[in-house]
Amino acid sequence: MPPEQVEEIRAWLIKAARDLEAARRLIETEEPLLDIVVYHCQQSIETAIKGFLTSERIPEEARP
């Protein structure tokens, strides 16, 4: 796998992890912002899938 592909995958997964961290922090507040927590969870999943699709070399135009 080319180094630039590895770096792109890593970037997607870092973004996914940051969205999960944001969700965790928001849900642990005294008055959780649940709609925003759900949004960040969804974003994390979508971003992780983009990382997977990149690892499988599926071109963006073929992605749903």
PDB file of N, CA and C in Angstrom:
ATOM      1  N   MET A   1       0.855  -1.169   0.000  1.00  0.00           N
ATOM      2  CA  MET A   1       0.000   0.000   0.000  1.00  0.00           C
ATOM      3  C   MET A   1       0.904   1.236   0.000  1.00  0.00           C
ATOM      4  N   PRO A   2       0.624   2.159  -0.911  1.00  0.00           N
ATOM      5  CA  PRO A   2       1.452   3.366  -0.993  1.00  0.00           C
ATOM      6  C   PRO A   2       1.362   4.213   0.287  1.00  0.00           C
ATOM      7  N   PRO A   3       2.456   4.860   0.664  1.00  0.00           N
ATOM      8  CA  PRO A   3       2.460   5.672   1.887  1.00  0.00           C
ATOM      9  C   PRO A   3       1.392   6.757   1.912  1.00  0.00           C
ATOM     10  N   GLU A   4       1.091   7.353   0.755  1.00  0.00           N
ATOM     11  CA  GLU A   4       0.070   8.397   0.740  1.00  0.00           C
ATOM     12  C   GLU A   4      -1.320   7.824   1.028  1.00  0.00           C
ATOM     13  N   GLN A   5      -1.555   6.578   0.631  1.00  0.00           N
ATOM     14  CA  GLN A   5      -2.829   5.925   0.939  1.00  0.00           C
ATOM     15  C   GLN A   5      -2.916   5.631   2.441  1.00  0.00           C
ATOM     16  N   VAL A   6      -1.820   5.173   3.007  1.00  0.00           N
ATOM     17  CA  VAL A   6      -1.781   4.910   4.449  1.00  0.00           C
ATOM     18  C   VAL A   6      -2.054   6.203   5.223  1.00  0.00           C
ATOM     19  N   GLU A   7      -1.463   7.295   4.773  1.00  0.00           N
ATOM     20  CA  GLU A   7      -1.661   8.580   5.450  1.00  0.00           C
ATOM     21  C   GLU A   7      -3.110   9.052   5.331  1.00  0.00           C
ATOM     22  N   GLU A   8      -3.721   8.839   4.172  1.00  0.00           N
ATOM     23  CA  GLU A   8      -5.128   9.227   4.007  1.00  0.00           C
ATOM     24  C   GLU A   8      -6.029   8.397   4.922  1.00  0.00           C
ATOM     25  N   ILE A   9      -5.775   7.108   5.007  1.00  0.00           N
ATOM     26  CA  ILE A   9      -6.554   6.230   5.896  1.00  0.00           C
ATOM     27  C   ILE A   9      -6.387   6.684   7.339  1.00  0.00           C
ATOM     28  N   ARG A  10      -5.157   6.944   7.725  1.00  0.00           N
ATOM     29  CA  ARG A  10      -4.876   7.409   9.095  1.00  0.00           C
ATOM     30  C   ARG A  10      -5.633   8.703   9.398  1.00  0.00           C
ATOM     31  N   ALA A  11      -5.647   9.625   8.439  1.00  0.00           N
ATOM     32  CA  ALA A  11      -6.347  10.899   8.644  1.00  0.00           C
ATOM     33  C   ALA A  11      -7.841  10.672   8.857  1.00  0.00           C
ATOM     34  N   TRP A  12      -8.453   9.785   8.052  1.00  0.00           N
ATOM     35  CA  TRP A  12      -9.875   9.486   8.237  1.00  0.00           C
ATOM     36  C   TRP A  12     -10.131   8.900   9.626  1.00  0.00           C
ATOM     37  N   LEU A  13      -9.281   7.976  10.049  1.00  0.00           N
ATOM     38  CA  LEU A  13      -9.499   7.322  11.339  1.00  0.00           C
ATOM     39  C   LEU A  13      -9.259   8.264  12.519  1.00  0.00           C
ATOM     40  N   ILE A  14      -8.338   9.196  12.376  1.00  0.00           N
ATOM     41  CA  ILE A  14      -8.126  10.206  13.423  1.00  0.00           C
ATOM     42  C   ILE A  14      -9.363  11.089  13.537  1.00  0.00           C
ATOM     43  N   LYS A  15      -9.926  11.489  12.398  1.00  0.00           N
ATOM     44  CA  LYS A  15     -11.145  12.303  12.424  1.00  0.00           C
ATOM     45  C   LYS A  15     -12.289  11.532  13.078  1.00  0.00           C
ATOM     46  N   ALA A  16     -12.404  10.241  12.767  1.00  0.00           N
ATOM     47  CA  ALA A  16     -13.455   9.416  13.366  1.00  0.00           C
ATOM     48  C   ALA A  16     -13.277   9.334  14.873  1.00  0.00           C
ATOM     49  N   ALA A  17     -12.047   9.150  15.320  1.00  0.00           N
ATOM     50  CA  ALA A  17     -11.773   9.076  16.760  1.00  0.00           C
ATOM     51  C   ALA A  17     -12.090  10.398  17.452  1.00  0.00           C
ATOM     52  N   ARG A  18     -11.812  11.500  16.798  1.00  0.00           N
ATOM     53  CA  ARG A  18     -12.111  12.819  17.387  1.00  0.00           C
ATOM     54  C   ARG A  18     -13.614  13.043  17.520  1.00  0.00           C
ATOM     55  N   ASP A  19     -14.380  12.580  16.532  1.00  0.00           N
ATOM     56  CA  ASP A  19     -15.831  12.695  16.657  1.00  0.00           C
ATOM     57  C   ASP A  19     -16.348  11.858  17.823  1.00  0.00           C
ATOM     58  N   LEU A  20     -15.805  10.676  18.005  1.00  0.00           N
ATOM     59  CA  LEU A  20     -16.215   9.860  19.152  1.00  0.00           C
ATOM     60  C   LEU A  20     -15.839  10.525  20.470  1.00  0.00           C
ATOM     61  N   GLU A  21     -14.675  11.131  20.514  1.00  0.00           N
ATOM     62  CA  GLU A  21     -14.254  11.839  21.726  1.00  0.00           C
ATOM     63  C   GLU A  21     -15.182  13.014  22.010  1.00  0.00           C
ATOM     64  N   ALA A  22     -15.576  13.738  20.972  1.00  0.00           N
ATOM     65  CA  ALA A  22     -16.515  14.845  21.152  1.00  0.00           C
ATOM     66  C   ALA A  22     -17.836  14.327  21.707  1.00  0.00           C
ATOM     67  N   ALA A  23     -18.321  13.211  21.181  1.00  0.00           N
ATOM     68  CA  ALA A  23     -19.572  12.626  21.670  1.00  0.00           C
ATOM     69  C   ALA A  23     -19.433  12.227  23.135  1.00  0.00           C
ATOM     70  N   ARG A  24     -18.308  11.612  23.479  1.00  0.00           N
ATOM     71  CA  ARG A  24     -18.095  11.193  24.862  1.00  0.00           C
ATOM     72  C   ARG A  24     -18.116  12.387  25.807  1.00  0.00           C
ATOM     73  N   ARG A  25     -17.440  13.445  25.419  1.00  0.00           N
ATOM     74  CA  ARG A  25     -17.397  14.630  26.282  1.00  0.00           C
ATOM     75  C   ARG A  25     -18.773  15.278  26.418  1.00  0.00           C
ATOM     76  N   LEU A  26     -19.521  15.311  25.331  1.00  0.00           N
ATOM     77  CA  LEU A  26     -20.843  15.938  25.366  1.00  0.00           C
ATOM     78  C   LEU A  26     -21.847  15.134  26.196  1.00  0.00           C
ATOM     79  N   ILE A  27     -21.699  13.825  26.197  1.00  0.00           N
ATOM     80  CA  ILE A  27     -22.659  13.006  26.943  1.00  0.00           C
ATOM     81  C   ILE A  27     -22.338  12.991  28.433  1.00  0.00           C
ATOM     82  N   GLU A  28     -21.118  13.340  28.793  1.00  0.00           N
ATOM     83  CA  GLU A  28     -20.717  13.319  30.198  1.00  0.00           C
ATOM     84  C   GLU A  28     -20.990  14.641  30.915  1.00  0.00           C
ATOM     85  N   THR A  29     -21.596  15.598  30.249  1.00  0.00           N
ATOM     86  CA  THR A  29     -21.900  16.873  30.890  1.00  0.00           C
ATOM     87  C   THR A  29     -23.133  16.727  31.782  1.00  0.00           C
ATOM     88  N   GLU A  30     -23.325  17.724  32.629  1.00  0.00           N
ATOM     89  CA  GLU A  30     -24.466  17.690  33.545  1.00  0.00           C
ATOM     90  C   GLU A  30     -25.792  17.620  32.783  1.00  0.00           C
ATOM     91  N   GLU A  31     -25.882  18.362  31.691  1.00  0.00           N
ATOM     92  CA  GLU A  31     -27.062  18.312  30.826  1.00  0.00           C
ATOM     93  C   GLU A  31     -26.603  17.907  29.423  1.00  0.00           C
ATOM     94  N   PRO A  32     -26.535  16.586  29.153  1.00  0.00           N
ATOM     95  CA  PRO A  32     -26.015  16.108  27.872  1.00  0.00           C
ATOM     96  C   PRO A  32     -26.798  16.658  26.679  1.00  0.00           C
ATOM     97  N   LEU A  33     -26.064  16.980  25.648  1.00  0.00           N
ATOM     98  CA  LEU A  33     -26.654  17.454  24.396  1.00  0.00           C
ATOM     99  C   LEU A  33     -26.811  16.239  23.477  1.00  0.00           C
ATOM    100  N   LEU A  34     -27.858  15.474  23.715  1.00  0.00           N
ATOM    101  CA  LEU A  34     -27.999  14.174  23.068  1.00  0.00           C
ATOM    102  C   LEU A  34     -28.097  14.253  21.553  1.00  0.00           C
ATOM    103  N   ASP A  35     -28.760  15.263  21.021  1.00  0.00           N
ATOM    104  CA  ASP A  35     -28.851  15.370  19.567  1.00  0.00           C
ATOM    105  C   ASP A  35     -27.473  15.585  18.943  1.00  0.00           C
ATOM    106  N   ILE A  36     -26.639  16.329  19.624  1.00  0.00           N
ATOM    107  CA  ILE A  36     -25.282  16.572  19.122  1.00  0.00           C
ATOM    108  C   ILE A  36     -24.405  15.336  19.325  1.00  0.00           C
ATOM    109  N   VAL A  37     -24.634  14.613  20.407  1.00  0.00           N
ATOM    110  CA  VAL A  37     -23.914  13.353  20.651  1.00  0.00           C
ATOM    111  C   VAL A  37     -24.190  12.380  19.509  1.00  0.00           C
ATOM    112  N   VAL A  38     -25.470  12.228  19.169  1.00  0.00           N
ATOM    113  CA  VAL A  38     -25.852  11.318  18.080  1.00  0.00           C
ATOM    114  C   VAL A  38     -25.224  11.766  16.767  1.00  0.00           C
ATOM    115  N   TYR A  39     -25.218  13.059  16.514  1.00  0.00           N
ATOM    116  CA  TYR A  39     -24.610  13.595  15.298  1.00  0.00           C
ATOM    117  C   TYR A  39     -23.129  13.194  15.220  1.00  0.00           C
ATOM    118  N   HIS A  40     -22.403  13.383  16.311  1.00  0.00           N
ATOM    119  CA  HIS A  40     -20.977  13.053  16.293  1.00  0.00           C
ATOM    120  C   HIS A  40     -20.748  11.549  16.150  1.00  0.00           C
ATOM    121  N   CYS A  41     -21.625  10.739  16.725  1.00  0.00           N
ATOM    122  CA  CYS A  41     -21.515   9.283  16.547  1.00  0.00           C
ATOM    123  C   CYS A  41     -21.717   8.913  15.080  1.00  0.00           C
ATOM    124  N   GLN A  42     -22.720   9.501  14.461  1.00  0.00           N
ATOM    125  CA  GLN A  42     -22.975   9.243  13.042  1.00  0.00           C
ATOM    126  C   GLN A  42     -21.785   9.687  12.191  1.00  0.00           C
ATOM    127  N   GLN A  43     -21.270  10.870  12.485  1.00  0.00           N
ATOM    128  CA  GLN A  43     -20.115  11.371  11.733  1.00  0.00           C
ATOM    129  C   GLN A  43     -18.919  10.438  11.893  1.00  0.00           C
ATOM    130  N   SER A  44     -18.726   9.933  13.083  1.00  0.00           N
ATOM    131  CA  SER A  44     -17.611   9.025  13.339  1.00  0.00           C
ATOM    132  C   SER A  44     -17.727   7.754  12.494  1.00  0.00           C
ATOM    133  N   ILE A  45     -18.932   7.205  12.440  1.00  0.00           N
ATOM    134  CA  ILE A  45     -19.147   5.992  11.642  1.00  0.00           C
ATOM    135  C   ILE A  45     -18.905   6.271  10.168  1.00  0.00           C
ATOM    136  N   GLU A  46     -19.468   7.347   9.659  1.00  0.00           N
ATOM    137  CA  GLU A  46     -19.288   7.684   8.240  1.00  0.00           C
ATOM    138  C   GLU A  46     -17.820   7.915   7.901  1.00  0.00           C
ATOM    139  N   THR A  47     -17.120   8.574   8.792  1.00  0.00           N
ATOM    140  CA  THR A  47     -15.707   8.871   8.555  1.00  0.00           C
ATOM    141  C   THR A  47     -14.871   7.597   8.599  1.00  0.00           C
ATOM    142  N   ALA A  48     -15.164   6.708   9.535  1.00  0.00           N
ATOM    143  CA  ALA A  48     -14.448   5.429   9.604  1.00  0.00           C
ATOM    144  C   ALA A  48     -14.704   4.603   8.347  1.00  0.00           C
ATOM    145  N   ILE A  49     -15.932   4.633   7.847  1.00  0.00           N
ATOM    146  CA  ILE A  49     -16.245   3.907   6.603  1.00  0.00           C
ATOM    147  C   ILE A  49     -15.441   4.485   5.443  1.00  0.00           C
ATOM    148  N   LYS A  50     -15.288   5.796   5.389  1.00  0.00           N
ATOM    149  CA  LYS A  50     -14.463   6.404   4.337  1.00  0.00           C
ATOM    150  C   LYS A  50     -13.029   5.898   4.429  1.00  0.00           C
ATOM    151  N   GLY A  51     -12.531   5.753   5.655  1.00  0.00           N
ATOM    152  CA  GLY A  51     -11.198   5.186   5.827  1.00  0.00           C
ATOM    153  C   GLY A  51     -11.115   3.762   5.302  1.00  0.00           C
ATOM    154  N   PHE A  52     -12.142   2.974   5.606  1.00  0.00           N
ATOM    155  CA  PHE A  52     -12.180   1.589   5.114  1.00  0.00           C
ATOM    156  C   PHE A  52     -12.235   1.556   3.595  1.00  0.00           C
ATOM    157  N   LEU A  53     -13.121   2.370   3.008  1.00  0.00           N
ATOM    158  CA  LEU A  53     -13.241   2.393   1.550  1.00  0.00           C
ATOM    159  C   LEU A  53     -11.938   2.829   0.895  1.00  0.00           C
ATOM    160  N   THR A  54     -11.244   3.744   1.530  1.00  0.00           N
ATOM    161  CA  THR A  54      -9.932   4.162   1.028  1.00  0.00           C
ATOM    162  C   THR A  54      -8.957   2.999   1.089  1.00  0.00           C
ATOM    163  N   SER A  55      -9.008   2.225   2.172  1.00  0.00           N
ATOM    164  CA  SER A  55      -8.095   1.079   2.306  1.00  0.00           C
ATOM    165  C   SER A  55      -8.375   0.015   1.259  1.00  0.00           C
ATOM    166  N   GLU A  56      -9.637  -0.080   0.828  1.00  0.00           N
ATOM    167  CA  GLU A  56     -10.017  -1.057  -0.195  1.00  0.00           C
ATOM    168  C   GLU A  56      -9.875  -0.508  -1.612  1.00  0.00           C
ATOM    169  N   ARG A  57      -9.392   0.732  -1.710  1.00  0.00           N
ATOM    170  CA  ARG A  57      -9.170   1.413  -2.991  1.00  0.00           C
ATOM    171  C   ARG A  57     -10.447   1.550  -3.813  1.00  0.00           C
ATOM    172  N   ILE A  58     -11.546   1.803  -3.134  1.00  0.00           N
ATOM    173  CA  ILE A  58     -12.813   2.042  -3.819  1.00  0.00           C
ATOM    174  C   ILE A  58     -12.872   3.535  -4.133  1.00  0.00           C
ATOM    175  N   PRO A  59     -12.930   3.887  -5.407  1.00  0.00           N
ATOM    176  CA  PRO A  59     -12.898   5.306  -5.773  1.00  0.00           C
ATOM    177  C   PRO A  59     -14.115   6.066  -5.236  1.00  0.00           C
ATOM    178  N   GLU A  60     -13.920   7.343  -4.977  1.00  0.00           N
ATOM    179  CA  GLU A  60     -15.001   8.163  -4.401  1.00  0.00           C
ATOM    180  C   GLU A  60     -16.241   8.170  -5.265  1.00  0.00           C
ATOM    181  N   GLU A  61     -16.089   8.185  -6.565  1.00  0.00           N
ATOM    182  CA  GLU A  61     -17.261   8.228  -7.432  1.00  0.00           C
ATOM    183  C   GLU A  61     -18.088   6.933  -7.376  1.00  0.00           C
ATOM    184  N   ALA A  62     -17.502   5.844  -6.887  1.00  0.00           N
ATOM    185  CA  ALA A  62     -18.227   4.565  -6.757  1.00  0.00           C
ATOM    186  C   ALA A  62     -18.826   4.380  -5.368  1.00  0.00           C
ATOM    187  N   ARG A  63     -18.564   5.333  -4.474  1.00  0.00           N
ATOM    188  CA  ARG A  63     -19.064   5.222  -3.110  1.00  0.00           C
ATOM    189  C   ARG A  63     -20.494   5.725  -3.016  1.00  0.00           C
ATOM    190  N   PRO A  64     -21.270   5.087  -2.119  1.00  0.00           N
ATOM    191  CA  PRO A  64     -22.654   5.555  -1.943  1.00  0.00           C
ATOM    192  C   PRO A  64     -22.720   6.914  -1.274  1.00  0.00           C
TER     193      PRO A  64
END
